N, C-alpha and C. Protein backbone atom coordinates (compact mmCIF):
# COMPACT_ATOMS: atom_id res chain seq x y z
N MET A 1 15.76 -8.84 4.43
CA MET A 1 16.44 -6.99 4.62
C MET A 1 14.50 -6.81 5.03
N LYS A 2 15.28 -5.33 5.37
CA LYS A 2 13.94 -4.65 5.49
C LYS A 2 13.57 -3.33 4.85
N ALA A 3 11.81 -3.67 4.77
CA ALA A 3 11.68 -2.99 3.21
C ALA A 3 10.72 -1.94 3.35
N LEU A 4 10.69 -0.84 2.71
CA LEU A 4 10.16 0.42 3.27
C LEU A 4 9.14 0.25 1.71
N ILE A 5 8.25 1.15 2.23
CA ILE A 5 6.90 0.88 1.04
C ILE A 5 6.12 2.04 1.02
N ILE A 6 6.04 3.43 -0.37
CA ILE A 6 4.65 4.00 -0.52
C ILE A 6 4.39 3.32 -2.01
N GLY A 7 2.94 3.69 -1.41
CA GLY A 7 1.98 3.39 -2.36
C GLY A 7 1.50 1.99 -2.46
N ALA A 8 1.13 1.31 -0.72
CA ALA A 8 0.91 -0.21 -0.50
C ALA A 8 -0.58 -0.21 -1.00
N THR A 9 -1.26 1.15 -0.17
CA THR A 9 -2.96 1.07 -0.86
C THR A 9 -3.12 0.44 -2.66
N GLY A 10 -2.69 0.50 -3.36
CA GLY A 10 -2.22 0.70 -4.88
C GLY A 10 -3.10 -0.49 -5.36
N SER A 11 -3.14 -0.36 -6.65
CA SER A 11 -3.12 -2.71 -7.30
C SER A 11 -1.22 -2.40 -7.01
N THR A 12 -1.02 -2.50 -7.08
CA THR A 12 0.55 -2.69 -7.52
C THR A 12 1.95 -3.23 -5.96
N GLY A 13 1.20 -1.64 -5.33
CA GLY A 13 1.65 -1.32 -3.83
C GLY A 13 0.70 -2.84 -3.19
N LYS A 14 0.36 -3.50 -2.90
CA LYS A 14 -0.64 -4.64 -2.50
C LYS A 14 -0.48 -6.06 -2.52
N HIS A 15 0.05 -6.00 -4.55
CA HIS A 15 0.38 -7.21 -4.44
C HIS A 15 2.15 -7.27 -4.26
N LEU A 16 2.56 -6.03 -4.27
CA LEU A 16 4.38 -6.01 -3.81
C LEU A 16 3.86 -6.46 -2.21
N VAL A 17 3.70 -5.68 -1.45
CA VAL A 17 3.64 -6.15 -0.19
C VAL A 17 3.43 -7.45 0.28
N GLN A 18 1.80 -8.53 -0.70
CA GLN A 18 2.18 -9.90 -0.30
C GLN A 18 3.16 -10.47 -0.53
N GLN A 19 3.77 -10.37 -1.96
CA GLN A 19 4.88 -10.67 -2.41
C GLN A 19 6.14 -10.80 -1.19
N LEU A 20 6.43 -9.47 -0.62
CA LEU A 20 6.89 -9.39 -0.14
C LEU A 20 7.11 -10.10 1.38
N LEU A 21 6.04 -10.36 1.73
CA LEU A 21 5.44 -10.83 3.45
C LEU A 21 5.89 -12.78 3.52
N THR A 22 5.50 -12.71 2.43
CA THR A 22 5.78 -14.42 1.81
C THR A 22 7.55 -14.88 1.30
N ASP A 23 8.18 -13.47 1.02
CA ASP A 23 9.79 -13.92 0.94
C ASP A 23 10.55 -14.25 1.66
N SER A 24 10.81 -15.04 2.38
CA SER A 24 12.17 -15.39 3.43
C SER A 24 12.85 -14.36 3.35
N GLU A 25 13.57 -13.71 1.96
CA GLU A 25 14.58 -13.10 2.01
C GLU A 25 14.62 -11.72 3.14
N TYR A 26 12.91 -11.11 2.88
CA TYR A 26 12.66 -9.80 3.39
C TYR A 26 12.94 -9.97 4.69
N THR A 27 12.75 -9.60 6.01
CA THR A 27 12.73 -10.21 7.44
C THR A 27 11.42 -8.79 7.57
N ALA A 28 11.86 -7.80 7.52
CA ALA A 28 10.17 -6.84 7.82
C ALA A 28 10.35 -5.53 6.84
N VAL A 29 8.15 -5.38 6.98
CA VAL A 29 7.93 -4.61 5.93
C VAL A 29 7.62 -3.69 6.14
N VAL A 30 7.75 -2.52 6.16
CA VAL A 30 7.10 -1.49 6.70
C VAL A 30 6.56 -0.43 5.90
N VAL A 31 4.75 -0.23 6.03
CA VAL A 31 4.76 0.75 4.87
C VAL A 31 3.75 2.13 5.68
N PHE A 32 4.35 3.12 4.41
CA PHE A 32 3.22 4.00 4.63
C PHE A 32 2.35 4.52 4.26
N VAL A 33 0.95 4.85 4.86
CA VAL A 33 -0.21 5.05 4.36
C VAL A 33 -0.84 5.84 4.42
N ARG A 34 -1.71 6.32 4.01
CA ARG A 34 -2.91 7.91 4.20
C ARG A 34 -4.37 6.81 5.41
N LYS A 35 -4.07 5.57 4.69
CA LYS A 35 -5.48 4.47 5.25
C LYS A 35 -4.76 2.79 5.95
N PRO A 36 -5.58 2.44 7.26
CA PRO A 36 -4.55 1.70 7.02
C PRO A 36 -5.01 0.08 5.81
N THR A 37 -4.19 -0.93 5.96
CA THR A 37 -4.04 -1.95 4.87
C THR A 37 -5.33 -2.48 5.28
N GLY A 38 -5.41 -3.01 6.67
CA GLY A 38 -6.51 -4.42 6.94
C GLY A 38 -5.24 -5.44 6.95
N LEU A 39 -4.18 -5.55 6.37
CA LEU A 39 -3.68 -7.00 7.03
C LEU A 39 -2.91 -7.07 8.47
N LYS A 40 -3.10 -7.90 8.40
CA LYS A 40 -2.12 -8.72 9.84
C LYS A 40 -0.93 -9.81 9.72
N ASP A 41 0.19 -9.20 9.77
CA ASP A 41 1.69 -10.52 9.52
C ASP A 41 3.05 -9.57 10.87
N ALA A 42 3.13 -11.48 11.59
CA ALA A 42 4.84 -10.63 12.11
C ALA A 42 5.11 -9.45 11.25
N LYS A 43 5.74 -10.15 10.42
CA LYS A 43 6.61 -8.90 9.14
C LYS A 43 5.97 -8.14 9.36
N LEU A 44 5.00 -7.38 9.40
CA LEU A 44 4.63 -6.18 8.99
C LEU A 44 4.24 -5.32 10.01
N THR A 45 4.53 -4.02 9.54
CA THR A 45 4.87 -2.38 10.84
C THR A 45 3.76 -1.41 9.64
N GLU A 46 2.92 -1.22 9.83
CA GLU A 46 2.06 -0.08 8.96
C GLU A 46 2.02 1.05 10.26
N HIS A 47 2.70 2.34 8.69
CA HIS A 47 2.35 3.19 9.92
C HIS A 47 1.43 4.37 8.84
N VAL A 48 0.17 4.67 9.60
CA VAL A 48 -1.16 5.60 9.18
C VAL A 48 -0.57 7.17 9.05
N ILE A 49 -0.08 7.72 8.58
CA ILE A 49 0.28 9.18 8.34
C ILE A 49 0.04 10.00 7.71
N ASP A 50 0.41 11.47 7.71
CA ASP A 50 0.31 12.30 6.09
C ASP A 50 1.74 11.96 5.64
N LEU A 51 1.31 11.51 3.96
CA LEU A 51 1.69 11.07 3.45
C LEU A 51 2.87 12.66 2.34
N SER A 52 2.32 14.44 2.93
CA SER A 52 2.61 14.99 2.72
C SER A 52 3.82 16.20 3.56
N ASN A 53 3.33 15.05 4.69
CA ASN A 53 4.54 15.59 5.71
C ASN A 53 5.36 15.15 6.65
N LEU A 54 5.74 13.57 4.99
CA LEU A 54 7.12 12.78 5.60
C LEU A 54 8.30 13.31 6.81
N ALA A 55 8.65 14.49 6.89
CA ALA A 55 9.61 14.86 7.58
C ALA A 55 9.39 14.89 8.47
N GLN A 56 8.02 14.36 9.35
CA GLN A 56 7.78 14.73 10.74
C GLN A 56 8.13 12.78 11.07
N HIS A 57 8.16 12.18 10.09
CA HIS A 57 8.34 11.09 10.08
C HIS A 57 9.66 10.18 9.96
N LYS A 58 10.60 11.09 9.64
CA LYS A 58 11.89 10.62 9.15
C LYS A 58 12.21 9.56 9.84
N HIS A 59 12.64 9.46 11.21
CA HIS A 59 12.79 8.62 11.64
C HIS A 59 12.28 7.37 11.83
N LEU A 60 11.27 6.98 10.36
CA LEU A 60 10.16 5.88 10.58
C LEU A 60 11.80 4.66 9.13
N ILE A 61 11.56 5.97 8.22
CA ILE A 61 12.18 5.76 6.95
C ILE A 61 13.81 5.46 7.58
N ALA A 62 13.84 3.74 7.73
CA ALA A 62 15.01 3.43 7.74
C ALA A 62 15.10 1.80 7.11
N GLY A 63 15.61 1.55 6.46
CA GLY A 63 15.80 0.13 6.40
C GLY A 63 16.68 -0.33 5.54
N ASP A 64 16.29 -1.35 4.58
CA ASP A 64 17.52 -1.83 3.35
C ASP A 64 17.15 -1.56 2.05
N VAL A 65 16.08 -1.51 1.53
CA VAL A 65 15.53 -0.96 0.38
C VAL A 65 14.68 -0.35 0.62
N ALA A 66 13.86 0.80 -0.36
CA ALA A 66 12.70 1.34 -0.60
C ALA A 66 12.05 1.25 -1.50
N PHE A 67 10.76 0.75 -1.96
CA PHE A 67 9.78 1.01 -2.87
C PHE A 67 8.55 1.76 -2.94
N SER A 68 9.00 2.64 -4.50
CA SER A 68 7.92 3.75 -4.74
C SER A 68 6.96 3.23 -5.20
N CYS A 69 5.76 2.77 -4.91
CA CYS A 69 4.78 2.92 -6.30
C CYS A 69 4.04 3.12 -5.94
N LEU A 70 3.69 4.49 -5.44
CA LEU A 70 2.65 5.83 -5.25
C LEU A 70 2.53 6.36 -6.47
N GLY A 71 0.86 6.97 -6.92
CA GLY A 71 0.81 7.52 -8.50
C GLY A 71 -0.42 7.45 -8.15
N THR A 72 -0.99 8.42 -9.57
CA THR A 72 -2.55 8.82 -9.11
C THR A 72 -2.72 9.19 -10.82
N THR A 73 -4.02 9.54 -10.86
CA THR A 73 -4.49 10.25 -12.05
C THR A 73 -4.66 11.82 -12.39
N LEU A 74 -5.32 12.32 -13.85
CA LEU A 74 -5.35 13.53 -13.43
C LEU A 74 -6.50 13.67 -12.83
N LYS A 75 -7.73 12.84 -12.85
CA LYS A 75 -9.14 12.64 -13.20
C LYS A 75 -9.19 13.07 -11.28
N ALA A 76 -8.17 11.57 -10.47
CA ALA A 76 -8.17 11.45 -9.33
C ALA A 76 -8.04 12.44 -8.08
N ALA A 77 -6.47 13.15 -9.08
CA ALA A 77 -6.00 14.33 -8.52
C ALA A 77 -6.93 15.34 -8.58
N GLY A 78 -7.51 15.78 -9.61
CA GLY A 78 -8.79 16.72 -9.48
C GLY A 78 -7.69 17.75 -10.03
N SER A 79 -6.78 17.69 -10.50
CA SER A 79 -5.76 18.64 -11.10
C SER A 79 -3.89 19.09 -11.30
N LYS A 80 -3.57 19.29 -12.06
CA LYS A 80 -2.11 18.40 -12.61
C LYS A 80 -1.00 19.20 -11.61
N GLU A 81 -1.60 20.30 -10.51
CA GLU A 81 -0.41 20.55 -8.89
C GLU A 81 -0.90 19.55 -7.94
N ASN A 82 -2.23 18.98 -8.24
CA ASN A 82 -2.46 18.05 -6.93
C ASN A 82 -1.86 16.51 -7.32
N GLN A 83 -1.74 16.22 -8.39
CA GLN A 83 -1.31 14.98 -9.18
C GLN A 83 0.73 15.45 -9.16
N TRP A 84 1.11 16.22 -8.96
CA TRP A 84 2.36 16.42 -9.30
C TRP A 84 2.94 16.73 -7.39
N LYS A 85 1.80 16.64 -7.13
CA LYS A 85 2.19 16.72 -5.00
C LYS A 85 2.53 15.24 -4.86
N ILE A 86 1.71 14.24 -5.06
CA ILE A 86 1.01 12.68 -5.21
C ILE A 86 2.41 12.48 -5.75
N ASP A 87 1.96 12.38 -7.01
CA ASP A 87 3.36 11.64 -8.00
C ASP A 87 4.63 12.35 -8.17
N PHE A 88 5.06 13.12 -7.86
CA PHE A 88 6.20 13.49 -7.91
C PHE A 88 7.33 14.33 -6.46
N ASP A 89 6.66 15.01 -5.76
CA ASP A 89 7.09 15.49 -4.26
C ASP A 89 6.25 14.57 -3.07
N ILE A 90 6.08 13.31 -3.33
CA ILE A 90 6.20 12.72 -2.02
C ILE A 90 7.35 11.28 -2.38
N PRO A 91 7.24 11.26 -3.05
CA PRO A 91 8.70 10.18 -3.31
C PRO A 91 9.67 10.67 -3.74
N ALA A 92 9.13 11.84 -4.10
CA ALA A 92 10.78 12.75 -3.77
C ALA A 92 11.34 12.50 -2.37
N ALA A 93 10.48 13.08 -1.94
CA ALA A 93 10.46 13.08 -0.07
C ALA A 93 11.19 11.86 0.32
N PHE A 94 10.63 10.79 -0.37
CA PHE A 94 10.99 10.03 0.34
C PHE A 94 11.54 8.97 0.30
N ALA A 95 12.55 9.79 -0.71
CA ALA A 95 13.70 8.93 -1.63
C ALA A 95 14.34 9.90 -0.79
N ARG A 96 14.62 11.03 -0.28
CA ARG A 96 15.69 12.17 -0.10
C ARG A 96 15.87 11.39 1.58
N ILE A 97 14.62 11.06 2.38
CA ILE A 97 14.89 11.06 3.16
C ILE A 97 15.60 9.15 3.54
N ALA A 98 14.70 8.93 2.89
CA ALA A 98 15.73 7.18 2.67
C ALA A 98 17.03 7.15 2.81
N LYS A 99 17.68 8.31 1.53
CA LYS A 99 19.05 8.81 1.34
C LYS A 99 19.71 8.79 2.63
N ALA A 100 18.82 9.70 3.16
CA ALA A 100 19.89 10.53 4.36
C ALA A 100 19.67 9.21 5.64
N ASN A 101 19.26 8.38 5.44
CA ASN A 101 18.83 7.54 6.98
C ASN A 101 20.15 6.39 6.14
N GLY A 102 20.69 6.23 5.07
CA GLY A 102 21.18 5.38 4.70
C GLY A 102 21.08 3.57 4.79
N VAL A 103 19.60 3.86 3.93
CA VAL A 103 18.62 3.12 3.11
C VAL A 103 20.22 2.83 1.66
N ASN A 104 20.57 1.81 1.38
CA ASN A 104 21.03 1.37 0.22
C ASN A 104 20.63 1.15 -1.14
N ALA A 105 18.62 0.66 -1.17
CA ALA A 105 18.76 0.74 -2.27
C ALA A 105 17.59 1.61 -2.75
N PHE A 106 17.08 1.74 -3.29
CA PHE A 106 15.87 2.09 -4.32
C PHE A 106 15.25 2.15 -5.27
N VAL A 107 14.24 1.84 -5.48
CA VAL A 107 13.29 1.27 -6.56
C VAL A 107 11.85 1.83 -7.09
N LEU A 108 12.08 2.18 -7.68
CA LEU A 108 11.01 3.26 -8.41
C LEU A 108 9.86 2.20 -9.71
N VAL A 109 8.45 2.62 -9.25
CA VAL A 109 8.23 2.14 -10.41
C VAL A 109 7.77 3.51 -10.85
N SER A 110 8.34 3.53 -12.71
CA SER A 110 8.29 4.62 -13.11
C SER A 110 7.02 4.74 -14.47
N SER A 111 7.33 5.59 -15.53
CA SER A 111 6.24 5.16 -17.00
C SER A 111 7.29 4.98 -17.95
N ALA A 112 6.87 4.13 -18.95
CA ALA A 112 7.25 3.53 -20.45
C ALA A 112 7.79 4.64 -21.03
N ASP A 113 7.54 5.81 -20.93
CA ASP A 113 7.17 6.99 -21.84
C ASP A 113 7.97 8.51 -21.44
N ALA A 114 8.42 7.86 -19.93
CA ALA A 114 9.04 9.20 -18.80
C ALA A 114 9.88 9.73 -19.73
N ALA A 115 10.09 11.08 -19.24
CA ALA A 115 11.51 11.96 -20.27
C ALA A 115 11.38 13.64 -19.32
N ALA A 116 12.86 13.44 -18.61
CA ALA A 116 12.39 14.70 -17.91
C ALA A 116 12.57 15.94 -19.24
N THR A 117 12.26 16.36 -20.30
CA THR A 117 12.56 17.15 -21.02
C THR A 117 11.76 17.09 -21.90
N SER A 118 9.86 16.34 -21.21
CA SER A 118 9.12 15.89 -22.45
C SER A 118 8.19 17.07 -22.03
N LYS A 119 7.36 17.22 -23.62
CA LYS A 119 6.11 17.90 -23.74
C LYS A 119 5.38 17.07 -23.12
N LEU A 120 5.09 16.47 -22.61
CA LEU A 120 3.71 16.10 -22.40
C LEU A 120 4.02 16.14 -20.31
N PHE A 121 2.86 16.44 -19.86
CA PHE A 121 2.94 16.51 -18.35
C PHE A 121 3.37 15.33 -17.37
N TYR A 122 2.58 14.44 -17.23
CA TYR A 122 2.89 12.81 -17.22
C TYR A 122 3.90 12.54 -17.61
N SER A 123 5.07 12.52 -18.36
CA SER A 123 5.85 11.88 -19.23
C SER A 123 7.28 12.51 -18.63
N ARG A 124 6.68 14.24 -18.36
CA ARG A 124 7.84 15.15 -18.11
C ARG A 124 7.98 15.10 -16.25
N MET A 125 6.73 14.80 -15.71
CA MET A 125 6.67 14.63 -14.12
C MET A 125 7.48 13.21 -13.67
N LYS A 126 7.20 12.03 -14.62
CA LYS A 126 7.88 10.69 -14.28
C LYS A 126 9.58 10.68 -14.22
N GLY A 127 9.43 11.79 -16.17
CA GLY A 127 11.52 11.58 -15.79
C GLY A 127 12.17 12.44 -15.34
N GLN A 128 11.30 14.02 -14.91
CA GLN A 128 11.98 14.49 -13.83
C GLN A 128 12.44 13.82 -12.54
N LEU A 129 11.25 12.62 -11.74
CA LEU A 129 11.81 11.82 -10.27
C LEU A 129 12.79 11.45 -10.68
N GLU A 130 13.14 10.47 -11.73
CA GLU A 130 13.68 9.74 -11.95
C GLU A 130 15.02 10.25 -11.82
N GLU A 131 15.11 11.52 -12.47
CA GLU A 131 17.03 12.17 -12.07
C GLU A 131 16.51 12.86 -11.07
N LEU A 132 15.64 12.75 -9.96
CA LEU A 132 15.90 13.43 -9.32
C LEU A 132 16.61 12.66 -8.27
N ILE A 133 15.88 11.25 -8.55
CA ILE A 133 16.59 10.24 -7.35
C ILE A 133 17.93 9.59 -7.90
N HIS A 134 18.16 9.27 -9.27
CA HIS A 134 19.49 9.23 -9.77
C HIS A 134 20.36 9.93 -9.13
N ALA A 135 20.29 10.81 -8.84
CA ALA A 135 21.21 12.11 -8.26
C ALA A 135 21.38 12.72 -7.08
N LEU A 136 20.47 11.56 -6.48
CA LEU A 136 20.69 10.47 -4.71
C LEU A 136 22.34 9.82 -4.54
N HIS A 137 22.29 9.22 -5.64
CA HIS A 137 23.20 8.20 -6.00
C HIS A 137 23.20 6.86 -4.78
N PHE A 138 21.73 6.34 -4.57
CA PHE A 138 22.01 5.15 -4.06
C PHE A 138 22.95 4.23 -4.48
N LYS A 139 23.11 3.21 -3.67
CA LYS A 139 24.15 1.91 -4.08
C LYS A 139 23.23 1.43 -5.38
N GLN A 140 21.87 0.78 -5.20
CA GLN A 140 20.99 0.20 -5.77
C GLN A 140 20.25 1.23 -6.31
N TYR A 141 19.85 1.41 -7.62
CA TYR A 141 18.34 2.07 -8.43
C TYR A 141 18.16 1.74 -9.17
N VAL A 142 16.61 0.91 -8.81
CA VAL A 142 15.98 0.69 -9.81
C VAL A 142 14.66 1.21 -11.03
N ILE A 143 14.62 1.55 -12.14
CA ILE A 143 14.08 1.83 -12.48
C ILE A 143 13.23 1.51 -13.41
N PHE A 144 12.04 0.73 -12.81
CA PHE A 144 10.44 -0.09 -13.61
C PHE A 144 9.95 0.99 -14.42
N LYS A 145 10.13 0.70 -16.23
CA LYS A 145 9.42 1.40 -16.71
C LYS A 145 7.73 1.11 -17.76
N PRO A 146 7.23 0.10 -16.63
CA PRO A 146 6.05 -0.63 -17.20
C PRO A 146 5.25 0.24 -18.35
N GLY A 147 4.65 -0.02 -19.23
CA GLY A 147 3.35 0.35 -20.04
C GLY A 147 1.63 0.41 -19.52
N LEU A 148 1.41 -0.09 -19.73
CA LEU A 148 0.02 0.11 -19.05
C LEU A 148 -0.33 -1.13 -18.44
N LEU A 149 -0.93 -1.19 -17.72
CA LEU A 149 -0.80 -1.79 -16.22
C LEU A 149 -2.45 -1.98 -15.98
N LEU A 150 -3.09 -3.73 -15.74
CA LEU A 150 -3.73 -4.18 -16.12
C LEU A 150 -3.93 -4.72 -14.32
N ARG A 151 -4.68 -3.90 -13.86
CA ARG A 151 -5.77 -3.60 -12.11
C ARG A 151 -6.32 -4.22 -12.42
N GLU A 152 -7.08 -5.40 -11.68
CA GLU A 152 -8.47 -6.67 -11.57
C GLU A 152 -9.09 -5.09 -11.40
N GLY A 153 -10.00 -5.38 -11.43
CA GLY A 153 -11.45 -4.96 -11.19
C GLY A 153 -11.48 -3.73 -11.41
N SER A 154 -10.60 -3.01 -12.27
CA SER A 154 -10.75 -1.44 -12.51
C SER A 154 -11.94 -1.22 -13.22
N ASP A 155 -12.23 0.07 -12.27
CA ASP A 155 -13.06 0.68 -12.97
C ASP A 155 -13.05 2.16 -14.11
N ARG A 156 -12.03 2.31 -13.79
CA ARG A 156 -11.44 3.54 -15.26
C ARG A 156 -11.72 2.86 -16.31
N LEU A 157 -12.66 3.83 -16.80
CA LEU A 157 -13.48 3.95 -18.33
C LEU A 157 -12.27 3.80 -19.48
N ALA A 158 -10.99 4.64 -19.13
CA ALA A 158 -9.91 5.28 -19.97
C ALA A 158 -9.16 4.01 -19.93
N GLU A 159 -9.04 3.35 -18.94
CA GLU A 159 -7.51 2.53 -18.53
C GLU A 159 -8.47 1.24 -19.10
N LYS A 160 -9.57 1.04 -19.37
CA LYS A 160 -10.11 -0.13 -20.32
C LYS A 160 -9.89 -0.49 -21.46
N ILE A 161 -11.13 1.11 -22.07
CA ILE A 161 -10.41 1.51 -23.70
C ILE A 161 -9.13 0.93 -24.01
N GLY A 162 -7.90 1.73 -23.34
CA GLY A 162 -6.69 1.81 -23.66
C GLY A 162 -6.28 0.29 -23.62
N VAL A 163 -6.33 -0.45 -22.39
CA VAL A 163 -5.21 -1.77 -22.63
C VAL A 163 -6.12 -2.21 -23.64
N ARG A 164 -8.02 -2.08 -24.57
CA ARG A 164 -8.12 -2.57 -25.76
C ARG A 164 -7.43 -2.39 -26.89
N VAL A 165 -7.31 -1.25 -26.80
CA VAL A 165 -6.63 -0.50 -28.37
C VAL A 165 -5.56 -0.59 -27.90
N ILE A 166 -4.43 -1.42 -27.72
CA ILE A 166 -2.97 -0.84 -27.21
C ILE A 166 -2.91 -3.01 -27.56
N GLY A 167 -3.61 -3.54 -26.80
CA GLY A 167 -4.17 -4.84 -27.24
C GLY A 167 -3.98 -5.17 -29.04
N TRP A 168 -4.79 -4.58 -29.42
CA TRP A 168 -4.93 -4.66 -30.58
C TRP A 168 -4.04 -4.05 -31.49
N PHE A 169 -3.17 -3.18 -31.22
CA PHE A 169 -2.20 -2.76 -31.97
C PHE A 169 -1.00 -3.24 -31.63
N ASN A 170 -1.08 -4.55 -30.01
CA ASN A 170 0.07 -5.82 -30.30
C ASN A 170 0.03 -6.46 -30.59
N ALA A 171 -1.37 -6.87 -31.21
CA ALA A 171 -1.91 -7.97 -31.96
C ALA A 171 -1.12 -7.65 -33.55
N ILE A 172 -0.61 -6.93 -33.55
CA ILE A 172 -0.68 -6.31 -35.11
C ILE A 172 1.21 -6.14 -34.81
N GLY A 173 1.59 -6.25 -33.81
CA GLY A 173 3.22 -5.84 -33.53
C GLY A 173 3.77 -4.86 -33.47
N LEU A 174 2.32 -4.31 -33.04
CA LEU A 174 2.57 -2.42 -33.33
C LEU A 174 2.71 -2.28 -31.65
N PHE A 175 3.43 -0.37 -31.17
CA PHE A 175 3.48 -0.26 -29.02
C PHE A 175 3.83 -1.51 -28.46
N ASN A 176 4.43 -2.32 -28.91
CA ASN A 176 5.10 -3.45 -27.77
C ASN A 176 5.63 -3.16 -26.59
N LYS A 177 5.75 -1.74 -26.34
CA LYS A 177 6.47 -1.22 -24.89
C LYS A 177 5.53 -0.74 -24.01
N PHE A 178 3.70 -0.81 -24.79
CA PHE A 178 3.10 -0.15 -23.95
C PHE A 178 1.99 -1.49 -23.24
N LYS A 179 2.49 -2.61 -23.96
CA LYS A 179 1.45 -3.79 -23.86
C LYS A 179 1.15 -3.66 -22.33
N PRO A 180 0.15 -4.37 -22.11
CA PRO A 180 -0.61 -3.91 -20.73
C PRO A 180 0.21 -5.30 -19.90
N LEU A 181 0.26 -5.04 -19.01
CA LEU A 181 1.57 -5.77 -17.55
C LEU A 181 0.51 -5.90 -16.07
N PRO A 182 0.13 -7.19 -15.67
CA PRO A 182 -0.75 -7.67 -14.72
C PRO A 182 0.03 -6.96 -13.83
N THR A 183 -0.25 -6.43 -12.67
CA THR A 183 -0.02 -5.74 -11.52
C THR A 183 0.79 -6.96 -10.69
N GLN A 184 0.18 -7.73 -10.11
CA GLN A 184 0.65 -8.30 -9.37
C GLN A 184 1.72 -9.23 -10.28
N LEU A 185 1.71 -9.33 -11.54
CA LEU A 185 3.21 -9.84 -12.57
C LEU A 185 4.10 -8.80 -12.26
N LEU A 186 4.05 -7.52 -11.83
CA LEU A 186 4.98 -6.07 -11.57
C LEU A 186 5.63 -6.29 -10.33
N ALA A 187 4.65 -6.40 -9.60
CA ALA A 187 4.79 -6.90 -7.53
C ALA A 187 5.75 -7.60 -7.93
N GLU A 188 5.55 -8.84 -8.01
CA GLU A 188 7.21 -9.56 -8.66
C GLU A 188 8.16 -9.36 -8.62
N LYS A 189 8.20 -9.12 -9.75
CA LYS A 189 9.51 -8.15 -10.08
C LYS A 189 9.68 -7.53 -9.54
N LEU A 190 9.09 -6.19 -8.98
CA LEU A 190 9.66 -5.58 -8.23
C LEU A 190 10.59 -6.07 -7.00
N ALA A 191 9.36 -7.49 -5.97
CA ALA A 191 10.26 -7.99 -5.01
C ALA A 191 11.64 -9.05 -5.89
N LYS A 192 11.68 -8.90 -6.55
CA LYS A 192 12.79 -9.83 -7.22
C LYS A 192 13.94 -9.09 -7.42
N ALA A 193 13.81 -7.83 -7.90
CA ALA A 193 14.87 -6.81 -8.66
C ALA A 193 15.68 -6.57 -7.02
N PRO A 194 15.72 -6.45 -6.01
CA PRO A 194 17.02 -5.84 -5.48
C PRO A 194 18.10 -7.00 -4.92
N LYS A 195 17.28 -8.02 -4.94
CA LYS A 195 18.38 -9.52 -4.58
C LYS A 195 18.41 -9.47 -6.06
N MET A 196 18.13 -9.29 -7.32
CA MET A 196 19.03 -10.14 -8.49
C MET A 196 19.96 -9.13 -8.98
N LEU A 197 19.66 -7.85 -9.03
CA LEU A 197 20.40 -7.03 -9.66
C LEU A 197 21.67 -6.03 -8.42
N PRO A 198 22.37 -6.06 -10.02
CA PRO A 198 24.08 -5.65 -9.21
C PRO A 198 23.51 -3.99 -8.73
N PRO A 199 24.94 -3.72 -7.81
CA PRO A 199 24.83 -1.89 -7.94
C PRO A 199 25.41 -1.15 -8.89
N GLY A 200 24.24 0.04 -8.62
CA GLY A 200 24.18 0.61 -9.57
C GLY A 200 23.01 1.03 -10.23
N VAL A 201 22.77 2.18 -11.72
CA VAL A 201 21.36 1.93 -12.09
C VAL A 201 21.39 1.01 -12.66
N THR A 202 19.99 0.39 -12.69
CA THR A 202 19.34 -0.36 -14.24
C THR A 202 17.96 0.01 -14.22
N THR A 203 17.63 0.35 -15.16
CA THR A 203 16.25 0.59 -15.80
C THR A 203 15.78 -0.67 -16.38
N ILE A 204 14.71 -0.65 -16.16
CA ILE A 204 14.26 -2.12 -17.28
C ILE A 204 12.69 -1.72 -17.66
N LYS A 205 12.95 -1.84 -19.21
CA LYS A 205 12.01 -1.48 -19.52
C LYS A 205 10.88 -2.88 -20.03
N LEU A 206 9.99 -1.96 -20.64
CA LEU A 206 8.79 -3.72 -20.12
C LEU A 206 8.92 -4.87 -20.98
N GLN A 207 10.18 -5.26 -21.86
CA GLN A 207 10.82 -6.87 -22.23
C GLN A 207 11.84 -7.08 -21.19
N LYS A 208 12.57 -6.43 -20.23
CA LYS A 208 13.06 -6.62 -19.13
C LYS A 208 12.68 -7.10 -17.88
N ILE A 209 10.84 -6.94 -18.32
CA ILE A 209 11.06 -7.03 -16.46
C ILE A 209 10.09 -8.57 -16.96
N MET A 210 9.48 -8.59 -18.03
CA MET A 210 8.76 -9.88 -18.26
C MET A 210 10.16 -10.72 -18.09
N GLU A 211 11.27 -10.57 -18.40
CA GLU A 211 12.62 -11.55 -18.68
C GLU A 211 12.98 -11.32 -16.73
N LEU A 212 12.61 -10.48 -16.24
CA LEU A 212 13.47 -10.72 -15.23
C LEU A 212 13.42 -11.64 -14.09
């Protein structure tokens, strides 16, 4: 299989690239990035491009399965408008082009509380992205809905505090759907999904992620 990835320089994306490169069932791995990854592998093709203008590179978005691990925080984006461009517009464009170019499978990293009708900006954004890609009718569409992600060496103070707080609640049996998940483990499950799951739409929440 030929895999296509956006978000390959993020914590989950980095681990996913490594998973795919060591998996013999993936014969080629193509990443679309803003800056070089520094990786060298015979299976890897790296396109350093302007992700906000994917249409200029649509001929490159062709393969068997597309993975979207792209995402940022409001703080890093600087505004809700910029976060929407990164978390919604780019993955949406990637999905539309992939579908037009005959890619059969799409794997999306979403959010545990994503809902198109949510009053919360982030949850609504992720939910609307899920629905947009669903409407494209890929032969196989897999939506991962993890809770908090454990990133190695994270310098995000809010994330560190959130992990501790959720961990405390988890210990007493609460908020289990938001249980922190290591990005390396998530990447392993992402790589497995297109090979193990049937055609159609599959939504994988935290417990199912652990069981995959």
